[in-house]
N, C-alpha and C. Protein backbone atom coordinates (compact mmCIF):
# COMPACT_ATOMS: atom_id res chain seq x y z
N MET A 1 76.05 134.65 132.10
CA MET A 1 75.32 135.31 131.05
C MET A 1 76.07 136.58 130.64
N THR A 2 76.00 136.85 129.36
CA THR A 2 76.71 138.00 128.78
C THR A 2 75.74 138.83 127.97
N VAL A 3 75.97 140.12 127.97
CA VAL A 3 75.20 141.02 127.13
C VAL A 3 75.89 141.07 125.77
N TYR A 4 75.12 140.88 124.70
CA TYR A 4 75.64 140.92 123.34
C TYR A 4 74.96 142.06 122.59
N ALA A 5 75.75 142.83 121.85
CA ALA A 5 75.21 143.86 120.97
C ALA A 5 74.92 143.22 119.62
N LEU A 6 73.72 143.47 119.09
CA LEU A 6 73.31 142.90 117.81
C LEU A 6 73.42 143.95 116.72
N PHE A 7 74.00 143.55 115.59
CA PHE A 7 74.10 144.42 114.43
C PHE A 7 73.55 143.65 113.23
N GLU A 8 72.89 144.36 112.33
CA GLU A 8 72.39 143.70 111.13
C GLU A 8 72.70 144.54 109.91
N ARG A 9 72.69 143.86 108.78
CA ARG A 9 72.94 144.49 107.49
C ARG A 9 71.98 143.86 106.50
N ASP A 10 71.48 144.64 105.58
CA ASP A 10 70.46 144.15 104.65
C ASP A 10 70.93 142.94 103.85
N ALA A 11 72.17 142.95 103.39
CA ALA A 11 72.65 141.87 102.52
C ALA A 11 73.03 140.61 103.28
N LYS A 12 73.15 140.68 104.58
CA LYS A 12 73.58 139.53 105.37
C LYS A 12 72.37 138.84 106.02
N PRO A 13 72.31 137.51 105.91
CA PRO A 13 71.16 136.80 106.48
C PRO A 13 71.20 136.72 108.01
N ALA A 14 72.38 136.72 108.60
CA ALA A 14 72.50 136.56 110.05
C ALA A 14 73.06 137.84 110.67
N PRO A 15 72.62 138.17 111.88
CA PRO A 15 73.16 139.35 112.54
C PRO A 15 74.57 139.09 113.05
N ALA A 16 75.31 140.18 113.26
CA ALA A 16 76.61 140.09 113.91
C ALA A 16 76.39 140.34 115.39
N VAL A 17 77.08 139.58 116.23
CA VAL A 17 76.96 139.76 117.67
C VAL A 17 78.32 140.09 118.25
N VAL A 18 78.33 141.05 119.17
CA VAL A 18 79.57 141.47 119.82
C VAL A 18 79.37 141.36 121.32
N PRO A 19 80.16 140.50 122.00
CA PRO A 19 80.01 140.36 123.45
C PRO A 19 80.54 141.61 124.17
N GLU A 20 79.82 142.02 125.20
CA GLU A 20 80.21 143.19 125.98
C GLU A 20 80.98 142.72 127.21
N ARG A 21 82.21 142.29 126.99
CA ARG A 21 83.04 141.81 128.10
C ARG A 21 84.51 141.95 127.73
N PHE A 22 85.36 141.82 128.73
CA PHE A 22 86.80 141.88 128.53
C PHE A 22 87.22 140.74 127.61
N SER A 23 88.12 141.03 126.66
CA SER A 23 88.59 140.01 125.73
C SER A 23 90.04 139.64 126.05
N TRP A 24 90.21 138.43 126.58
CA TRP A 24 91.57 137.97 126.86
C TRP A 24 92.37 137.79 125.58
N PHE A 25 91.71 137.32 124.54
CA PHE A 25 92.37 137.14 123.25
C PHE A 25 92.93 138.46 122.75
N ALA A 26 92.14 139.53 122.86
CA ALA A 26 92.59 140.85 122.42
C ALA A 26 93.71 141.38 123.29
N ALA A 27 93.69 141.08 124.58
CA ALA A 27 94.72 141.57 125.49
C ALA A 27 96.04 140.83 125.32
N ILE A 28 95.97 139.53 125.08
CA ILE A 28 97.20 138.73 125.01
C ILE A 28 97.83 138.80 123.62
N LEU A 29 97.01 138.76 122.57
CA LEU A 29 97.51 138.78 121.20
C LEU A 29 96.80 139.85 120.37
N PRO A 30 97.05 141.13 120.66
CA PRO A 30 96.31 142.19 119.96
C PRO A 30 96.38 142.14 118.44
N PRO A 31 97.55 141.90 117.83
CA PRO A 31 97.56 141.93 116.36
C PRO A 31 96.77 140.77 115.74
N ILE A 32 96.86 139.60 116.34
CA ILE A 32 96.13 138.45 115.79
C ILE A 32 94.63 138.65 115.99
N TRP A 33 94.24 139.18 117.15
CA TRP A 33 92.83 139.48 117.40
C TRP A 33 92.30 140.47 116.37
N ALA A 34 93.06 141.53 116.12
CA ALA A 34 92.62 142.55 115.16
C ALA A 34 92.47 141.95 113.76
N LEU A 35 93.43 141.17 113.33
CA LEU A 35 93.35 140.57 112.00
C LEU A 35 92.24 139.53 111.92
N ALA A 36 92.01 138.79 113.00
CA ALA A 36 90.95 137.78 113.01
C ALA A 36 89.57 138.41 112.85
N HIS A 37 89.43 139.65 113.30
CA HIS A 37 88.15 140.34 113.19
C HIS A 37 88.12 141.36 112.06
N GLY A 38 89.15 141.36 111.23
CA GLY A 38 89.19 142.27 110.09
C GLY A 38 89.37 143.73 110.46
N LEU A 39 90.01 143.98 111.58
CA LEU A 39 90.21 145.35 112.06
C LEU A 39 91.58 145.86 111.58
N TRP A 40 91.66 146.17 110.30
CA TRP A 40 92.93 146.57 109.70
C TRP A 40 93.42 147.91 110.23
N LEU A 41 92.54 148.86 110.39
CA LEU A 41 92.93 150.17 110.90
C LEU A 41 93.50 150.04 112.32
N GLU A 42 92.84 149.26 113.15
CA GLU A 42 93.30 149.05 114.52
C GLU A 42 94.64 148.31 114.53
N PHE A 43 94.83 147.39 113.60
CA PHE A 43 96.10 146.68 113.49
C PHE A 43 97.24 147.64 113.15
N VAL A 44 97.00 148.55 112.21
CA VAL A 44 98.02 149.51 111.81
C VAL A 44 98.37 150.44 112.98
N VAL A 45 97.35 150.89 113.71
CA VAL A 45 97.59 151.75 114.88
C VAL A 45 98.39 151.00 115.93
N TRP A 46 98.05 149.73 116.17
CA TRP A 46 98.79 148.93 117.13
C TRP A 46 100.26 148.78 116.69
N ALA A 47 100.48 148.49 115.41
CA ALA A 47 101.85 148.32 114.90
C ALA A 47 102.65 149.62 115.06
N LEU A 48 102.03 150.75 114.76
CA LEU A 48 102.73 152.03 114.94
C LEU A 48 103.05 152.29 116.40
N LEU A 49 102.13 151.95 117.29
CA LEU A 49 102.37 152.13 118.71
C LEU A 49 103.53 151.26 119.20
N VAL A 50 103.58 150.03 118.73
CA VAL A 50 104.68 149.14 119.12
C VAL A 50 106.01 149.67 118.59
N LEU A 51 106.01 150.18 117.36
CA LEU A 51 107.23 150.78 116.81
C LEU A 51 107.66 151.99 117.63
N LEU A 52 106.70 152.81 118.03
CA LEU A 52 107.03 153.98 118.87
C LEU A 52 107.58 153.56 120.22
N LEU A 53 106.99 152.55 120.83
CA LEU A 53 107.51 152.06 122.10
C LEU A 53 108.91 151.48 121.94
N GLY A 54 109.14 150.78 120.84
CA GLY A 54 110.48 150.25 120.58
C GLY A 54 111.50 151.36 120.37
N ALA A 55 111.10 152.41 119.67
CA ALA A 55 112.01 153.53 119.45
C ALA A 55 112.25 154.31 120.74
N ALA A 56 111.24 154.37 121.62
CA ALA A 56 111.38 155.12 122.86
C ALA A 56 112.07 154.31 123.96
N ALA A 57 112.19 153.02 123.79
CA ALA A 57 112.76 152.15 124.83
C ALA A 57 114.15 152.59 125.28
N PRO A 58 115.07 152.95 124.37
CA PRO A 58 116.39 153.39 124.87
C PRO A 58 116.30 154.66 125.73
N THR A 59 115.34 155.49 125.47
CA THR A 59 115.20 156.74 126.22
C THR A 59 114.48 156.53 127.55
N ILE A 60 113.35 155.84 127.51
CA ILE A 60 112.56 155.67 128.73
C ILE A 60 112.94 154.42 129.51
N GLY A 61 113.70 153.53 128.89
CA GLY A 61 114.11 152.30 129.54
C GLY A 61 113.27 151.13 129.07
N GLY A 62 113.89 149.99 128.99
CA GLY A 62 113.22 148.80 128.50
C GLY A 62 112.07 148.36 129.39
N GLU A 63 112.27 148.48 130.70
CA GLU A 63 111.21 148.06 131.62
C GLU A 63 109.99 148.98 131.51
N ALA A 64 110.22 150.26 131.38
CA ALA A 64 109.10 151.21 131.22
C ALA A 64 108.37 150.95 129.91
N ALA A 65 109.11 150.64 128.85
CA ALA A 65 108.47 150.34 127.56
C ALA A 65 107.64 149.06 127.68
N PHE A 66 108.16 148.07 128.38
CA PHE A 66 107.43 146.82 128.58
C PHE A 66 106.12 147.07 129.32
N TRP A 67 106.18 147.82 130.43
CA TRP A 67 104.96 148.08 131.20
C TRP A 67 103.99 148.97 130.45
N ALA A 68 104.50 149.88 129.62
CA ALA A 68 103.61 150.68 128.78
C ALA A 68 102.87 149.77 127.80
N TYR A 69 103.58 148.78 127.25
CA TYR A 69 102.93 147.83 126.35
C TYR A 69 101.88 147.01 127.09
N VAL A 70 102.17 146.59 128.31
CA VAL A 70 101.20 145.82 129.10
C VAL A 70 99.94 146.65 129.35
N VAL A 71 100.12 147.93 129.66
CA VAL A 71 98.96 148.81 129.88
C VAL A 71 98.15 148.95 128.59
N VAL A 72 98.82 149.12 127.47
CA VAL A 72 98.12 149.24 126.18
C VAL A 72 97.38 147.94 125.85
N ALA A 73 98.02 146.80 126.09
CA ALA A 73 97.38 145.51 125.81
C ALA A 73 96.15 145.32 126.69
N ALA A 74 96.23 145.69 127.96
CA ALA A 74 95.07 145.59 128.85
C ALA A 74 93.96 146.53 128.38
N TRP A 75 94.32 147.72 127.95
CA TRP A 75 93.33 148.67 127.43
C TRP A 75 92.63 148.09 126.21
N ILE A 76 93.39 147.46 125.33
CA ILE A 76 92.79 146.84 124.14
C ILE A 76 91.82 145.73 124.55
N GLY A 77 92.17 144.96 125.58
CA GLY A 77 91.26 143.93 126.08
C GLY A 77 89.95 144.51 126.58
N PHE A 78 90.01 145.64 127.27
CA PHE A 78 88.79 146.27 127.76
C PHE A 78 88.00 146.94 126.64
N GLU A 79 88.69 147.51 125.67
CA GLU A 79 88.04 148.25 124.59
C GLU A 79 87.70 147.39 123.37
N ALA A 80 88.00 146.11 123.42
CA ALA A 80 87.75 145.23 122.27
C ALA A 80 86.31 145.30 121.77
N PRO A 81 85.30 145.24 122.64
CA PRO A 81 83.93 145.34 122.12
C PRO A 81 83.66 146.67 121.42
N ALA A 82 84.14 147.76 121.99
CA ALA A 82 83.92 149.07 121.37
C ALA A 82 84.62 149.17 120.03
N LEU A 83 85.82 148.60 119.91
CA LEU A 83 86.54 148.63 118.64
C LEU A 83 85.80 147.82 117.58
N ARG A 84 85.27 146.67 117.96
CA ARG A 84 84.51 145.86 117.01
C ARG A 84 83.21 146.54 116.60
N ARG A 85 82.51 147.15 117.57
CA ARG A 85 81.27 147.86 117.23
C ARG A 85 81.54 149.01 116.27
N ALA A 86 82.60 149.77 116.52
CA ALA A 86 82.93 150.89 115.63
C ALA A 86 83.27 150.40 114.23
N ALA A 87 83.98 149.28 114.13
CA ALA A 87 84.32 148.74 112.81
C ALA A 87 83.07 148.27 112.07
N LEU A 88 82.14 147.66 112.78
CA LEU A 88 80.90 147.23 112.14
C LEU A 88 80.11 148.43 111.63
N ARG A 89 80.05 149.49 112.41
CA ARG A 89 79.35 150.70 111.96
C ARG A 89 80.01 151.30 110.72
N ARG A 90 81.35 151.31 110.70
CA ARG A 90 82.06 151.84 109.52
C ARG A 90 81.74 151.02 108.28
N ARG A 91 81.47 149.74 108.45
CA ARG A 91 81.17 148.85 107.32
C ARG A 91 79.70 148.85 106.93
N GLY A 92 78.90 149.67 107.56
CA GLY A 92 77.51 149.78 107.17
C GLY A 92 76.53 148.93 107.96
N TRP A 93 76.98 148.30 109.04
CA TRP A 93 76.07 147.52 109.88
C TRP A 93 75.29 148.48 110.77
N ARG A 94 74.03 148.15 111.05
CA ARG A 94 73.18 148.97 111.91
C ARG A 94 73.03 148.29 113.27
N TYR A 95 73.12 149.12 114.32
CA TYR A 95 72.92 148.61 115.67
C TYR A 95 71.44 148.26 115.83
N ARG A 96 71.17 147.08 116.31
CA ARG A 96 69.80 146.58 116.42
C ARG A 96 69.32 146.53 117.85
N GLY A 97 70.22 146.37 118.79
CA GLY A 97 69.83 146.29 120.19
C GLY A 97 70.76 145.35 120.94
N GLU A 98 70.36 144.99 122.13
CA GLU A 98 71.16 144.10 122.96
C GLU A 98 70.33 142.92 123.40
N VAL A 99 71.02 141.83 123.66
CA VAL A 99 70.36 140.61 124.13
C VAL A 99 71.29 139.96 125.16
N VAL A 100 70.69 139.34 126.15
CA VAL A 100 71.45 138.61 127.17
C VAL A 100 71.37 137.13 126.83
N ALA A 101 72.53 136.50 126.70
CA ALA A 101 72.56 135.07 126.34
C ALA A 101 73.79 134.41 126.94
N ARG A 102 73.77 133.08 126.93
CA ARG A 102 74.92 132.32 127.46
C ARG A 102 76.13 132.36 126.54
N ASP A 103 75.90 132.35 125.22
CA ASP A 103 77.00 132.40 124.27
C ASP A 103 76.56 133.11 123.00
N ALA A 104 77.51 133.30 122.09
CA ALA A 104 77.26 134.07 120.87
C ALA A 104 76.22 133.40 119.97
N ASP A 105 76.23 132.08 119.92
CA ASP A 105 75.26 131.37 119.07
C ASP A 105 73.82 131.61 119.53
N LEU A 106 73.60 131.55 120.84
CA LEU A 106 72.26 131.80 121.36
C LEU A 106 71.86 133.26 121.16
N ALA A 107 72.81 134.18 121.27
CA ALA A 107 72.52 135.59 121.02
C ALA A 107 72.14 135.80 119.55
N MET A 108 72.85 135.14 118.64
CA MET A 108 72.52 135.25 117.22
C MET A 108 71.14 134.66 116.94
N LEU A 109 70.84 133.54 117.57
CA LEU A 109 69.52 132.93 117.40
C LEU A 109 68.42 133.86 117.91
N GLU A 110 68.66 134.49 119.03
CA GLU A 110 67.69 135.46 119.57
C GLU A 110 67.52 136.63 118.60
N GLY A 111 68.60 137.09 118.00
CA GLY A 111 68.51 138.16 117.01
C GLY A 111 67.73 137.74 115.77
N LEU A 112 67.92 136.51 115.33
CA LEU A 112 67.16 136.00 114.19
C LEU A 112 65.68 135.88 114.52
N ASN A 113 65.38 135.41 115.72
CA ASN A 113 63.98 135.30 116.15
C ASN A 113 63.33 136.68 116.24
N ALA A 114 64.04 137.65 116.76
CA ALA A 114 63.49 139.01 116.86
C ALA A 114 63.26 139.59 115.47
N ARG A 115 64.11 139.29 114.53
CA ARG A 115 63.94 139.79 113.17
C ARG A 115 62.71 139.17 112.52
N ARG A 116 62.51 137.88 112.77
CA ARG A 116 61.37 137.19 112.17
C ARG A 116 60.06 137.69 112.77
N VAL A 117 60.04 137.94 114.06
CA VAL A 117 58.81 138.39 114.73
C VAL A 117 58.54 139.86 114.41
N GLY A 118 59.62 140.69 114.47
CA GLY A 118 59.44 142.13 114.30
C GLY A 118 59.58 142.51 112.90
């Protein structure tokens, strides 16, 4: 079971759900993960960071640059839910609460049921 954060917007019929867990997709492929979720600002920051690590590699060493990238990628995996929540807030979505569910579809269904009842 996973805790999901629910967000809603007046113009959207279904709530957005964000799982509160480590994201392997975000850790292994940060730029693709960012683009898949429409996180353009985060993608630009990631690209600048990679360029900085590439520029610093001759000075700090290739192995140090590699491990610095691994640490950043792991950090992105842990912070993926927070990055998605912040992006939803910037786009005008309102935090609605949390729900525990087996998967995102069941969490969205629970959010729809709560909206209909409340």
